[in-house]
Amino acid sequence: SGRAAVSTGPIRLSLSVRCPRCGSLDTREVSHFGSTSCKALFECRAC
């Protein structure tokens, strides 16, 4: 979500990640690395 930060502008923060299954924003990062290094593992607190 969002765009990659650029050196001349503000650094955007993702305050929440939407669950791709149920759409909830009540999620948390479990591990900074998921099935590959370019992904993070999250858990949905709703589903």
ModelCIF file with pLDDT and N, C-alpha, C, O atoms, coordinates in Angstrom:
data_MODEL
#
_entry.id   MODEL 
#
_entity.id                         1 
_entity.type                       polymer 
_entity.pdbx_number_of_molecules   1 
#
_entity_poly.entity_id                      1 
_entity_poly.type                           'polypeptide(L)' 
_entity_poly.nstd_linkage                   no 
_entity_poly.nstd_monomer                   no 
_entity_poly.pdbx_seq_one_letter_code       SGRAAVSTGPIRLSLSVRCPRCGSLDTREVSHFGSTSCKALFECRAC 
_entity_poly.pdbx_seq_one_letter_code_can   SGRAAVSTGPIRLSLSVRCPRCGSLDTREVSHFGSTSCKALFECRAC 
_entity_poly.pdbx_strand_id                 A 
#
loop_
_entity_poly_seq.entity_id 
_entity_poly_seq.num 
_entity_poly_seq.mon_id 
_entity_poly_seq.hetero 
1 1  SER n 
1 2  GLY n 
1 3  ARG n 
1 4  ALA n 
1 5  ALA n 
1 6  VAL n 
1 7  SER n 
1 8  THR n 
1 9  GLY n 
1 10 PRO n 
1 11 ILE n 
1 12 ARG n 
1 13 LEU n 
1 14 SER n 
1 15 LEU n 
1 16 SER n 
1 17 VAL n 
1 18 ARG n 
1 19 CYS n 
1 20 PRO n 
1 21 ARG n 
1 22 CYS n 
1 23 GLY n 
1 24 SER n 
1 25 LEU n 
1 26 ASP n 
1 27 THR n 
1 28 ARG n 
1 29 GLU n 
1 30 VAL n 
1 31 SER n 
1 32 HIS n 
1 33 PHE n 
1 34 GLY n 
1 35 SER n 
1 36 THR n 
1 37 SER n 
1 38 CYS n 
1 39 LYS n 
1 40 ALA n 
1 41 LEU n 
1 42 PHE n 
1 43 GLU n 
1 44 CYS n 
1 45 ARG n 
1 46 ALA n 
1 47 CYS n 
#
_struct_asym.id          A 
_struct_asym.entity_id   1 
#
loop_
_ma_qa_metric.id 
_ma_qa_metric.mode 
_ma_qa_metric.name 
_ma_qa_metric.software_group_id 
_ma_qa_metric.type 
1 global pLDDT . pLDDT 
2 local  pLDDT . pLDDT 
#
_ma_qa_metric_global.metric_id      1 
_ma_qa_metric_global.metric_value   80.38 
_ma_qa_metric_global.model_id       1 
_ma_qa_metric_global.ordinal_id     1 
#
loop_
_ma_qa_metric_local.label_asym_id 
_ma_qa_metric_local.label_comp_id 
_ma_qa_metric_local.label_seq_id 
_ma_qa_metric_local.metric_id 
_ma_qa_metric_local.metric_value 
_ma_qa_metric_local.model_id 
_ma_qa_metric_local.ordinal_id 
A SER 1  2 78.00 1 1  
A GLY 2  2 65.00 1 2  
A ARG 3  2 63.00 1 3  
A ALA 4  2 59.00 1 4  
A ALA 5  2 50.00 1 5  
A VAL 6  2 53.00 1 6  
A SER 7  2 50.00 1 7  
A THR 8  2 56.00 1 8  
A GLY 9  2 57.00 1 9  
A PRO 10 2 59.00 1 10 
A ILE 11 2 56.00 1 11 
A ARG 12 2 57.00 1 12 
A LEU 13 2 59.00 1 13 
A SER 14 2 58.00 1 14 
A LEU 15 2 69.00 1 15 
A SER 16 2 84.00 1 16 
A VAL 17 2 90.00 1 17 
A ARG 18 2 91.00 1 18 
A CYS 19 2 93.00 1 19 
A PRO 20 2 93.00 1 20 
A ARG 21 2 92.00 1 21 
A CYS 22 2 94.00 1 22 
A GLY 23 2 92.00 1 23 
A SER 24 2 94.00 1 24 
A LEU 25 2 93.00 1 25 
A ASP 26 2 94.00 1 26 
A THR 27 2 94.00 1 27 
A ARG 28 2 92.00 1 28 
A GLU 29 2 92.00 1 29 
A VAL 30 2 92.00 1 30 
A SER 31 2 92.00 1 31 
A HIS 32 2 88.00 1 32 
A PHE 33 2 85.00 1 33 
A GLY 34 2 83.00 1 34 
A SER 35 2 82.00 1 35 
A THR 36 2 82.00 1 36 
A SER 37 2 80.00 1 37 
A CYS 38 2 82.00 1 38 
A LYS 39 2 87.00 1 39 
A ALA 40 2 90.00 1 40 
A LEU 41 2 92.00 1 41 
A PHE 42 2 93.00 1 42 
A GLU 43 2 94.00 1 43 
A CYS 44 2 94.00 1 44 
A ARG 45 2 95.00 1 45 
A ALA 46 2 95.00 1 46 
A CYS 47 2 95.00 1 47 
#
loop_
_atom_site.group_PDB 
_atom_site.id 
_atom_site.type_symbol 
_atom_site.label_atom_id 
_atom_site.label_alt_id 
_atom_site.label_comp_id 
_atom_site.label_asym_id 
_atom_site.label_entity_id 
_atom_site.label_seq_id 
_atom_site.pdbx_PDB_ins_code 
_atom_site.Cartn_x 
_atom_site.Cartn_y 
_atom_site.Cartn_z 
_atom_site.occupancy 
_atom_site.B_iso_or_equiv 
_atom_site.pdbx_formal_charge 
_atom_site.auth_seq_id 
_atom_site.auth_comp_id 
_atom_site.auth_asym_id 
_atom_site.auth_atom_id 
_atom_site.pdbx_PDB_model_num 
ATOM 1   N N  . SER A 1 1  ? 0.863   -1.183  0.000  1.00 78.00 ? 1  SER A N  1 
ATOM 2   C CA . SER A 1 1  ? 0.000   0.000   0.000  1.00 78.00 ? 1  SER A CA 1 
ATOM 3   C C  . SER A 1 1  ? 0.894   1.226   0.000  1.00 78.00 ? 1  SER A C  1 
ATOM 4   O O  . SER A 1 1  ? 1.979   1.205   0.581  1.00 78.00 ? 1  SER A O  1 
ATOM 5   N N  . GLY A 1 2  ? 0.458   2.270   -0.632 1.00 65.00 ? 2  GLY A N  1 
ATOM 6   C CA . GLY A 1 2  ? 1.262   3.482   -0.697 1.00 65.00 ? 2  GLY A CA 1 
ATOM 7   C C  . GLY A 1 2  ? 2.356   3.371   -1.731 1.00 65.00 ? 2  GLY A C  1 
ATOM 8   O O  . GLY A 1 2  ? 2.365   2.465   -2.565 1.00 65.00 ? 2  GLY A O  1 
ATOM 9   N N  . ARG A 1 3  ? 3.269   4.302   -1.661 1.00 63.00 ? 3  ARG A N  1 
ATOM 10  C CA . ARG A 1 3  ? 4.374   4.364   -2.600 1.00 63.00 ? 3  ARG A CA 1 
ATOM 11  C C  . ARG A 1 3  ? 5.667   4.289   -1.807 1.00 63.00 ? 3  ARG A C  1 
ATOM 12  O O  . ARG A 1 3  ? 5.700   4.620   -0.621 1.00 63.00 ? 3  ARG A O  1 
ATOM 13  N N  . ALA A 1 4  ? 6.718   3.858   -2.461 1.00 59.00 ? 4  ALA A N  1 
ATOM 14  C CA . ALA A 1 4  ? 8.025   3.784   -1.811 1.00 59.00 ? 4  ALA A CA 1 
ATOM 15  C C  . ALA A 1 4  ? 8.477   5.191   -1.434 1.00 59.00 ? 4  ALA A C  1 
ATOM 16  O O  . ALA A 1 4  ? 8.201   6.153   -2.151 1.00 59.00 ? 4  ALA A O  1 
ATOM 17  N N  . ALA A 1 5  ? 9.160   5.303   -0.322 1.00 50.00 ? 5  ALA A N  1 
ATOM 18  C CA . ALA A 1 5  ? 9.657   6.602   0.131  1.00 50.00 ? 5  ALA A CA 1 
ATOM 19  C C  . ALA A 1 5  ? 10.723  7.120   -0.827 1.00 50.00 ? 5  ALA A C  1 
ATOM 20  O O  . ALA A 1 5  ? 11.517  6.344   -1.359 1.00 50.00 ? 5  ALA A O  1 
ATOM 21  N N  . VAL A 1 6  ? 10.738  8.417   -1.043 1.00 53.00 ? 6  VAL A N  1 
ATOM 22  C CA . VAL A 1 6  ? 11.775  9.040   -1.857 1.00 53.00 ? 6  VAL A CA 1 
ATOM 23  C C  . VAL A 1 6  ? 12.594  9.943   -0.958 1.00 53.00 ? 6  VAL A C  1 
ATOM 24  O O  . VAL A 1 6  ? 12.096  10.444  0.050  1.00 53.00 ? 6  VAL A O  1 
ATOM 25  N N  . SER A 1 7  ? 13.846  10.150  -1.322 1.00 50.00 ? 7  SER A N  1 
ATOM 26  C CA . SER A 1 7  ? 14.749  10.899  -0.451 1.00 50.00 ? 7  SER A CA 1 
ATOM 27  C C  . SER A 1 7  ? 14.363  12.365  -0.304 1.00 50.00 ? 7  SER A C  1 
ATOM 28  O O  . SER A 1 7  ? 14.801  13.018  0.643  1.00 50.00 ? 7  SER A O  1 
ATOM 29  N N  . THR A 1 8  ? 13.561  12.894  -1.208 1.00 56.00 ? 8  THR A N  1 
ATOM 30  C CA . THR A 1 8  ? 13.224  14.314  -1.134 1.00 56.00 ? 8  THR A CA 1 
ATOM 31  C C  . THR A 1 8  ? 11.880  14.576  -0.478 1.00 56.00 ? 8  THR A C  1 
ATOM 32  O O  . THR A 1 8  ? 11.480  15.733  -0.348 1.00 56.00 ? 8  THR A O  1 
ATOM 33  N N  . GLY A 1 9  ? 11.178  13.543  -0.066 1.00 57.00 ? 9  GLY A N  1 
ATOM 34  C CA . GLY A 1 9  ? 9.850   13.745  0.502  1.00 57.00 ? 9  GLY A CA 1 
ATOM 35  C C  . GLY A 1 9  ? 9.701   13.033  1.827  1.00 57.00 ? 9  GLY A C  1 
ATOM 36  O O  . GLY A 1 9  ? 10.650  12.435  2.335  1.00 57.00 ? 9  GLY A O  1 
ATOM 37  N N  . PRO A 1 10 ? 8.504   13.100  2.384  1.00 59.00 ? 10 PRO A N  1 
ATOM 38  C CA . PRO A 1 10 ? 8.266   12.443  3.668  1.00 59.00 ? 10 PRO A CA 1 
ATOM 39  C C  . PRO A 1 10 ? 8.272   10.928  3.515  1.00 59.00 ? 10 PRO A C  1 
ATOM 40  O O  . PRO A 1 10 ? 8.007   10.399  2.436  1.00 59.00 ? 10 PRO A O  1 
ATOM 41  N N  . ILE A 1 11 ? 8.569   10.254  4.583  1.00 56.00 ? 11 ILE A N  1 
ATOM 42  C CA . ILE A 1 11 ? 8.528   8.797   4.601  1.00 56.00 ? 11 ILE A CA 1 
ATOM 43  C C  . ILE A 1 11 ? 7.119   8.402   5.004  1.00 56.00 ? 11 ILE A C  1 
ATOM 44  O O  . ILE A 1 11 ? 6.647   8.755   6.085  1.00 56.00 ? 11 ILE A O  1 
ATOM 45  N N  . ARG A 1 12 ? 6.453   7.668   4.124  1.00 57.00 ? 12 ARG A N  1 
ATOM 46  C CA . ARG A 1 12 ? 5.089   7.244   4.403  1.00 57.00 ? 12 ARG A CA 1 
ATOM 47  C C  . ARG A 1 12 ? 5.094   6.006   5.286  1.00 57.00 ? 12 ARG A C  1 
ATOM 48  O O  . ARG A 1 12 ? 5.900   5.097   5.089  1.00 57.00 ? 12 ARG A O  1 
ATOM 49  N N  . LEU A 1 13 ? 4.209   5.978   6.240  1.00 59.00 ? 13 LEU A N  1 
ATOM 50  C CA . LEU A 1 13 ? 4.076   4.839   7.120  1.00 59.00 ? 13 LEU A CA 1 
ATOM 51  C C  . LEU A 1 13 ? 2.755   4.138   6.847  1.00 59.00 ? 13 LEU A C  1 
ATOM 52  O O  . LEU A 1 13 ? 1.734   4.782   6.607  1.00 59.00 ? 13 LEU A O  1 
ATOM 53  N N  . SER A 1 14 ? 2.787   2.835   6.888  1.00 58.00 ? 14 SER A N  1 
ATOM 54  C CA . SER A 1 14 ? 1.554   2.073   6.766  1.00 58.00 ? 14 SER A CA 1 
ATOM 55  C C  . SER A 1 14 ? 1.062   1.824   8.185  1.00 58.00 ? 14 SER A C  1 
ATOM 56  O O  . SER A 1 14 ? 1.693   1.090   8.946  1.00 58.00 ? 14 SER A O  1 
ATOM 57  N N  . LEU A 1 15 ? -0.067  2.435   8.541  1.00 69.00 ? 15 LEU A N  1 
ATOM 58  C CA . LEU A 1 15 ? -0.580  2.287   9.891  1.00 69.00 ? 15 LEU A CA 1 
ATOM 59  C C  . LEU A 1 15 ? -1.297  0.959   10.085 1.00 69.00 ? 15 LEU A C  1 
ATOM 60  O O  . LEU A 1 15 ? -1.393  0.463   11.207 1.00 69.00 ? 15 LEU A O  1 
ATOM 61  N N  . SER A 1 16 ? -1.791  0.392   9.017  1.00 84.00 ? 16 SER A N  1 
ATOM 62  C CA . SER A 1 16 ? -2.424  -0.922  9.094  1.00 84.00 ? 16 SER A CA 1 
ATOM 63  C C  . SER A 1 16 ? -2.366  -1.579  7.725  1.00 84.00 ? 16 SER A C  1 
ATOM 64  O O  . SER A 1 16 ? -2.214  -0.916  6.699  1.00 84.00 ? 16 SER A O  1 
ATOM 65  N N  . VAL A 1 17 ? -2.489  -2.880  7.736  1.00 90.00 ? 17 VAL A N  1 
ATOM 66  C CA . VAL A 1 17 ? -2.506  -3.656  6.504  1.00 90.00 ? 17 VAL A CA 1 
ATOM 67  C C  . VAL A 1 17 ? -3.855  -4.364  6.449  1.00 90.00 ? 17 VAL A C  1 
ATOM 68  O O  . VAL A 1 17 ? -4.245  -5.055  7.390  1.00 90.00 ? 17 VAL A O  1 
ATOM 69  N N  . ARG A 1 18 ? -4.559  -4.183  5.339  1.00 91.00 ? 18 ARG A N  1 
ATOM 70  C CA . ARG A 1 18 ? -5.887  -4.789  5.179  1.00 91.00 ? 18 ARG A CA 1 
ATOM 71  C C  . ARG A 1 18 ? -5.753  -6.292  4.907  1.00 91.00 ? 18 ARG A C  1 
ATOM 72  O O  . ARG A 1 18 ? -4.970  -6.706  4.052  1.00 91.00 ? 18 ARG A O  1 
ATOM 73  N N  . CYS A 1 19 ? -6.512  -7.089  5.630  1.00 93.00 ? 19 CYS A N  1 
ATOM 74  C CA . CYS A 1 19 ? -6.522  -8.536  5.433  1.00 93.00 ? 19 CYS A CA 1 
ATOM 75  C C  . CYS A 1 19 ? -7.084  -8.838  4.046  1.00 93.00 ? 19 CYS A C  1 
ATOM 76  O O  . CYS A 1 19 ? -8.173  -8.367  3.718  1.00 93.00 ? 19 CYS A O  1 
ATOM 77  N N  . PRO A 1 20 ? -6.370  -9.614  3.221  1.00 93.00 ? 20 PRO A N  1 
ATOM 78  C CA . PRO A 1 20 ? -6.874  -9.912  1.879  1.00 93.00 ? 20 PRO A CA 1 
ATOM 79  C C  . PRO A 1 20 ? -8.043  -10.903 1.893  1.00 93.00 ? 20 PRO A C  1 
ATOM 80  O O  . PRO A 1 20 ? -8.716  -11.078 0.878  1.00 93.00 ? 20 PRO A O  1 
ATOM 81  N N  . ARG A 1 21 ? -8.283  -11.541 3.020  1.00 92.00 ? 21 ARG A N  1 
ATOM 82  C CA . ARG A 1 21 ? -9.382  -12.510 3.099  1.00 92.00 ? 21 ARG A CA 1 
ATOM 83  C C  . ARG A 1 21 ? -10.695 -11.869 3.529  1.00 92.00 ? 21 ARG A C  1 
ATOM 84  O O  . ARG A 1 21 ? -11.717 -12.051 2.867  1.00 92.00 ? 21 ARG A O  1 
ATOM 85  N N  . CYS A 1 22 ? -10.678 -11.108 4.649  1.00 94.00 ? 22 CYS A N  1 
ATOM 86  C CA . CYS A 1 22 ? -11.933 -10.550 5.163  1.00 94.00 ? 22 CYS A CA 1 
ATOM 87  C C  . CYS A 1 22 ? -12.013 -9.033  5.059  1.00 94.00 ? 22 CYS A C  1 
ATOM 88  O O  . CYS A 1 22 ? -13.078 -8.456  5.276  1.00 94.00 ? 22 CYS A O  1 
ATOM 89  N N  . GLY A 1 23 ? -10.898 -8.378  4.731  1.00 92.00 ? 23 GLY A N  1 
ATOM 90  C CA . GLY A 1 23 ? -10.889 -6.934  4.564  1.00 92.00 ? 23 GLY A CA 1 
ATOM 91  C C  . GLY A 1 23 ? -10.677 -6.143  5.843  1.00 92.00 ? 23 GLY A C  1 
ATOM 92  O O  . GLY A 1 23 ? -10.672 -4.912  5.806  1.00 92.00 ? 23 GLY A O  1 
ATOM 93  N N  . SER A 1 24 ? -10.503 -6.810  6.966  1.00 94.00 ? 24 SER A N  1 
ATOM 94  C CA . SER A 1 24 ? -10.323 -6.114  8.242  1.00 94.00 ? 24 SER A CA 1 
ATOM 95  C C  . SER A 1 24 ? -8.982  -5.378  8.287  1.00 94.00 ? 24 SER A C  1 
ATOM 96  O O  . SER A 1 24 ? -7.993  -5.818  7.702  1.00 94.00 ? 24 SER A O  1 
ATOM 97  N N  . LEU A 1 25 ? -8.977  -4.255  8.991  1.00 93.00 ? 25 LEU A N  1 
ATOM 98  C CA . LEU A 1 25 ? -7.730  -3.525  9.232  1.00 93.00 ? 25 LEU A CA 1 
ATOM 99  C C  . LEU A 1 25 ? -7.137  -3.891  10.594 1.00 93.00 ? 25 LEU A C  1 
ATOM 100 O O  . LEU A 1 25 ? -6.086  -3.372  10.970 1.00 93.00 ? 25 LEU A O  1 
ATOM 101 N N  . ASP A 1 26 ? -7.799  -4.774  11.330 1.00 94.00 ? 26 ASP A N  1 
ATOM 102 C CA . ASP A 1 26 ? -7.322  -5.212  12.639 1.00 94.00 ? 26 ASP A CA 1 
ATOM 103 C C  . ASP A 1 26 ? -6.336  -6.355  12.438 1.00 94.00 ? 26 ASP A C  1 
ATOM 104 O O  . ASP A 1 26 ? -6.658  -7.522  12.658 1.00 94.00 ? 26 ASP A O  1 
ATOM 105 N N  . THR A 1 27 ? -5.115  -5.990  12.011 1.00 94.00 ? 27 THR A N  1 
ATOM 106 C CA . THR A 1 27 ? -4.064  -6.960  11.705 1.00 94.00 ? 27 THR A CA 1 
ATOM 107 C C  . THR A 1 27 ? -2.799  -6.597  12.452 1.00 94.00 ? 27 THR A C  1 
ATOM 108 O O  . THR A 1 27 ? -2.643  -5.471  12.924 1.00 94.00 ? 27 THR A O  1 
ATOM 109 N N  . ARG A 1 28 ? -1.897  -7.562  12.557 1.00 92.00 ? 28 ARG A N  1 
ATOM 110 C CA . ARG A 1 28 ? -0.601  -7.287  13.192 1.00 92.00 ? 28 ARG A CA 1 
ATOM 111 C C  . ARG A 1 28 ? 0.492   -8.060  12.472 1.00 92.00 ? 28 ARG A C  1 
ATOM 112 O O  . ARG A 1 28 ? 0.264   -9.145  11.936 1.00 92.00 ? 28 ARG A O  1 
ATOM 113 N N  . GLU A 1 29 ? 1.690   -7.473  12.473 1.00 92.00 ? 29 GLU A N  1 
ATOM 114 C CA . GLU A 1 29 ? 2.844   -8.138  11.868 1.00 92.00 ? 29 GLU A CA 1 
ATOM 115 C C  . GLU A 1 29 ? 3.358   -9.194  12.836 1.00 92.00 ? 29 GLU A C  1 
ATOM 116 O O  . GLU A 1 29 ? 3.662   -8.892  13.990 1.00 92.00 ? 29 GLU A O  1 
ATOM 117 N N  . VAL A 1 30 ? 3.454   -10.423 12.367 1.00 92.00 ? 30 VAL A N  1 
ATOM 118 C CA . VAL A 1 30 ? 3.969   -11.526 13.172 1.00 92.00 ? 30 VAL A CA 1 
ATOM 119 C C  . VAL A 1 30 ? 5.476   -11.641 12.981 1.00 92.00 ? 30 VAL A C  1 
ATOM 120 O O  . VAL A 1 30 ? 6.220   -11.857 13.938 1.00 92.00 ? 30 VAL A O  1 
ATOM 121 N N  . SER A 1 31 ? 5.919   -11.492 11.727 1.00 92.00 ? 31 SER A N  1 
ATOM 122 C CA . SER A 1 31 ? 7.337   -11.590 11.401 1.00 92.00 ? 31 SER A CA 1 
ATOM 123 C C  . SER A 1 31 ? 7.629   -10.643 10.243 1.00 92.00 ? 31 SER A C  1 
ATOM 124 O O  . SER A 1 31 ? 6.843   -10.548 9.300  1.00 92.00 ? 31 SER A O  1 
ATOM 125 N N  . HIS A 1 32 ? 8.749   -9.948  10.311 1.00 88.00 ? 32 HIS A N  1 
ATOM 126 C CA . HIS A 1 32 ? 9.103   -9.015  9.240  1.00 88.00 ? 32 HIS A CA 1 
ATOM 127 C C  . HIS A 1 32 ? 9.396   -9.749  7.932  1.00 88.00 ? 32 HIS A C  1 
ATOM 128 O O  . HIS A 1 32 ? 9.397   -9.138  6.864  1.00 88.00 ? 32 HIS A O  1 
ATOM 129 N N  . PHE A 1 33 ? 9.646   -11.061 8.014  1.00 85.00 ? 33 PHE A N  1 
ATOM 130 C CA . PHE A 1 33 ? 9.888   -11.856 6.814  1.00 85.00 ? 33 PHE A CA 1 
ATOM 131 C C  . PHE A 1 33 ? 8.854   -12.962 6.733  1.00 85.00 ? 33 PHE A C  1 
ATOM 132 O O  . PHE A 1 33 ? 8.641   -13.706 7.691  1.00 85.00 ? 33 PHE A O  1 
ATOM 133 N N  . GLY A 1 34 ? 8.205   -13.062 5.557  1.00 83.00 ? 34 GLY A N  1 
ATOM 134 C CA . GLY A 1 34 ? 7.186   -14.079 5.328  1.00 83.00 ? 34 GLY A CA 1 
ATOM 135 C C  . GLY A 1 34 ? 7.748   -15.221 4.515  1.00 83.00 ? 34 GLY A C  1 
ATOM 136 O O  . GLY A 1 34 ? 8.873   -15.665 4.743  1.00 83.00 ? 34 GLY A O  1 
ATOM 137 N N  . SER A 1 35 ? 6.952   -15.701 3.553  1.00 82.00 ? 35 SER A N  1 
ATOM 138 C CA . SER A 1 35 ? 7.372   -16.848 2.747  1.00 82.00 ? 35 SER A CA 1 
ATOM 139 C C  . SER A 1 35 ? 8.584   -16.537 1.877  1.00 82.00 ? 35 SER A C  1 
ATOM 140 O O  . SER A 1 35 ? 9.311   -17.446 1.476  1.00 82.00 ? 35 SER A O  1 
ATOM 141 N N  . THR A 1 36 ? 8.805   -15.257 1.584  1.00 82.00 ? 36 THR A N  1 
ATOM 142 C CA . THR A 1 36 ? 10.023  -14.811 0.907  1.00 82.00 ? 36 THR A CA 1 
ATOM 143 C C  . THR A 1 36 ? 10.474  -13.530 1.587  1.00 82.00 ? 36 THR A C  1 
ATOM 144 O O  . THR A 1 36 ? 9.714   -12.929 2.347  1.00 82.00 ? 36 THR A O  1 
ATOM 145 N N  . SER A 1 37 ? 11.690  -13.111 1.325  1.00 80.00 ? 37 SER A N  1 
ATOM 146 C CA . SER A 1 37 ? 12.239  -11.921 1.989  1.00 80.00 ? 37 SER A CA 1 
ATOM 147 C C  . SER A 1 37 ? 11.518  -10.638 1.613  1.00 80.00 ? 37 SER A C  1 
ATOM 148 O O  . SER A 1 37 ? 11.581  -9.661  2.360  1.00 80.00 ? 37 SER A O  1 
ATOM 149 N N  . CYS A 1 38 ? 10.834  -10.614 0.472  1.00 82.00 ? 38 CYS A N  1 
ATOM 150 C CA . CYS A 1 38 ? 10.146  -9.388  0.062  1.00 82.00 ? 38 CYS A CA 1 
ATOM 151 C C  . CYS A 1 38 ? 8.737   -9.297  0.640  1.00 82.00 ? 38 CYS A C  1 
ATOM 152 O O  . CYS A 1 38 ? 8.000   -8.361  0.330  1.00 82.00 ? 38 CYS A O  1 
ATOM 153 N N  . LYS A 1 39 ? 8.361   -10.258 1.477  1.00 87.00 ? 39 LYS A N  1 
ATOM 154 C CA . LYS A 1 39 ? 7.047   -10.237 2.107  1.00 87.00 ? 39 LYS A CA 1 
ATOM 155 C C  . LYS A 1 39 ? 7.203   -10.336 3.619  1.00 87.00 ? 39 LYS A C  1 
ATOM 156 O O  . LYS A 1 39 ? 8.196   -10.865 4.118  1.00 87.00 ? 39 LYS A O  1 
ATOM 157 N N  . ALA A 1 40 ? 6.209   -9.821  4.346  1.00 90.00 ? 40 ALA A N  1 
ATOM 158 C CA . ALA A 1 40 ? 6.149   -9.932  5.803  1.00 90.00 ? 40 ALA A CA 1 
ATOM 159 C C  . ALA A 1 40 ? 4.950   -10.804 6.153  1.00 90.00 ? 40 ALA A C  1 
ATOM 160 O O  . ALA A 1 40 ? 3.963   -10.837 5.417  1.00 90.00 ? 40 ALA A O  1 
ATOM 161 N N  . LEU A 1 41 ? 5.036   -11.508 7.275  1.00 92.00 ? 41 LEU A N  1 
ATOM 162 C CA . LEU A 1 41 ? 3.944   -12.361 7.723  1.00 92.00 ? 41 LEU A CA 1 
ATOM 163 C C  . LEU A 1 41 ? 3.061   -11.578 8.680  1.00 92.00 ? 41 LEU A C  1 
ATOM 164 O O  . LEU A 1 41 ? 3.536   -11.030 9.674  1.00 92.00 ? 41 LEU A O  1 
ATOM 165 N N  . PHE A 1 42 ? 1.760   -11.529 8.368  1.00 93.00 ? 42 PHE A N  1 
ATOM 166 C CA . PHE A 1 42 ? 0.782   -10.833 9.190  1.00 93.00 ? 42 PHE A CA 1 
ATOM 167 C C  . PHE A 1 42 ? -0.262  -11.820 9.675  1.00 93.00 ? 42 PHE A C  1 
ATOM 168 O O  . PHE A 1 42 ? -0.386  -12.934 9.166  1.00 93.00 ? 42 PHE A O  1 
ATOM 169 N N  . GLU A 1 43 ? -1.010  -11.376 10.676 1.00 94.00 ? 43 GLU A N  1 
ATOM 170 C CA . GLU A 1 43 ? -2.132  -12.145 11.199 1.00 94.00 ? 43 GLU A CA 1 
ATOM 171 C C  . GLU A 1 43 ? -3.320  -11.211 11.311 1.00 94.00 ? 43 GLU A C  1 
ATOM 172 O O  . GLU A 1 43 ? -3.182  -10.066 11.741 1.00 94.00 ? 43 GLU A O  1 
ATOM 173 N N  . CYS A 1 44 ? -4.488  -11.702 10.922 1.00 94.00 ? 44 CYS A N  1 
ATOM 174 C CA . CYS A 1 44 ? -5.718  -10.928 11.038 1.00 94.00 ? 44 CYS A CA 1 
ATOM 175 C C  . CYS A 1 44 ? -6.363  -11.274 12.369 1.00 94.00 ? 44 CYS A C  1 
ATOM 176 O O  . CYS A 1 44 ? -6.596  -12.445 12.671 1.00 94.00 ? 44 CYS A O  1 
ATOM 177 N N  . ARG A 1 45 ? -6.647  -10.258 13.156 1.00 95.00 ? 45 ARG A N  1 
ATOM 178 C CA . ARG A 1 45 ? -7.291  -10.493 14.444 1.00 95.00 ? 45 ARG A CA 1 
ATOM 179 C C  . ARG A 1 45 ? -8.793  -10.723 14.297 1.00 95.00 ? 45 ARG A C  1 
ATOM 180 O O  . ARG A 1 45 ? -9.433  -11.218 15.224 1.00 95.00 ? 45 ARG A O  1 
ATOM 181 N N  . ALA A 1 46 ? -9.361  -10.370 13.148 1.00 95.00 ? 46 ALA A N  1 
ATOM 182 C CA . ALA A 1 46 ? -10.798 -10.557 12.930 1.00 95.00 ? 46 ALA A CA 1 
ATOM 183 C C  . ALA A 1 46 ? -11.115 -11.989 12.496 1.00 95.00 ? 46 ALA A C  1 
ATOM 184 O O  . ALA A 1 46 ? -11.961 -12.648 13.100 1.00 95.00 ? 46 ALA A O  1 
ATOM 185 N N  . CYS A 1 47 ? -10.428 -12.477 11.437 1.00 95.00 ? 47 CYS A N  1 
ATOM 186 C CA . CYS A 1 47 ? -10.722 -13.832 10.939 1.00 95.00 ? 47 CYS A CA 1 
ATOM 187 C C  . CYS A 1 47 ? -9.689  -14.860 11.405 1.00 95.00 ? 47 CYS A C  1 
ATOM 188 O O  . CYS A 1 47 ? -9.798  -16.039 11.070 1.00 95.00 ? 47 CYS A O  1 
#
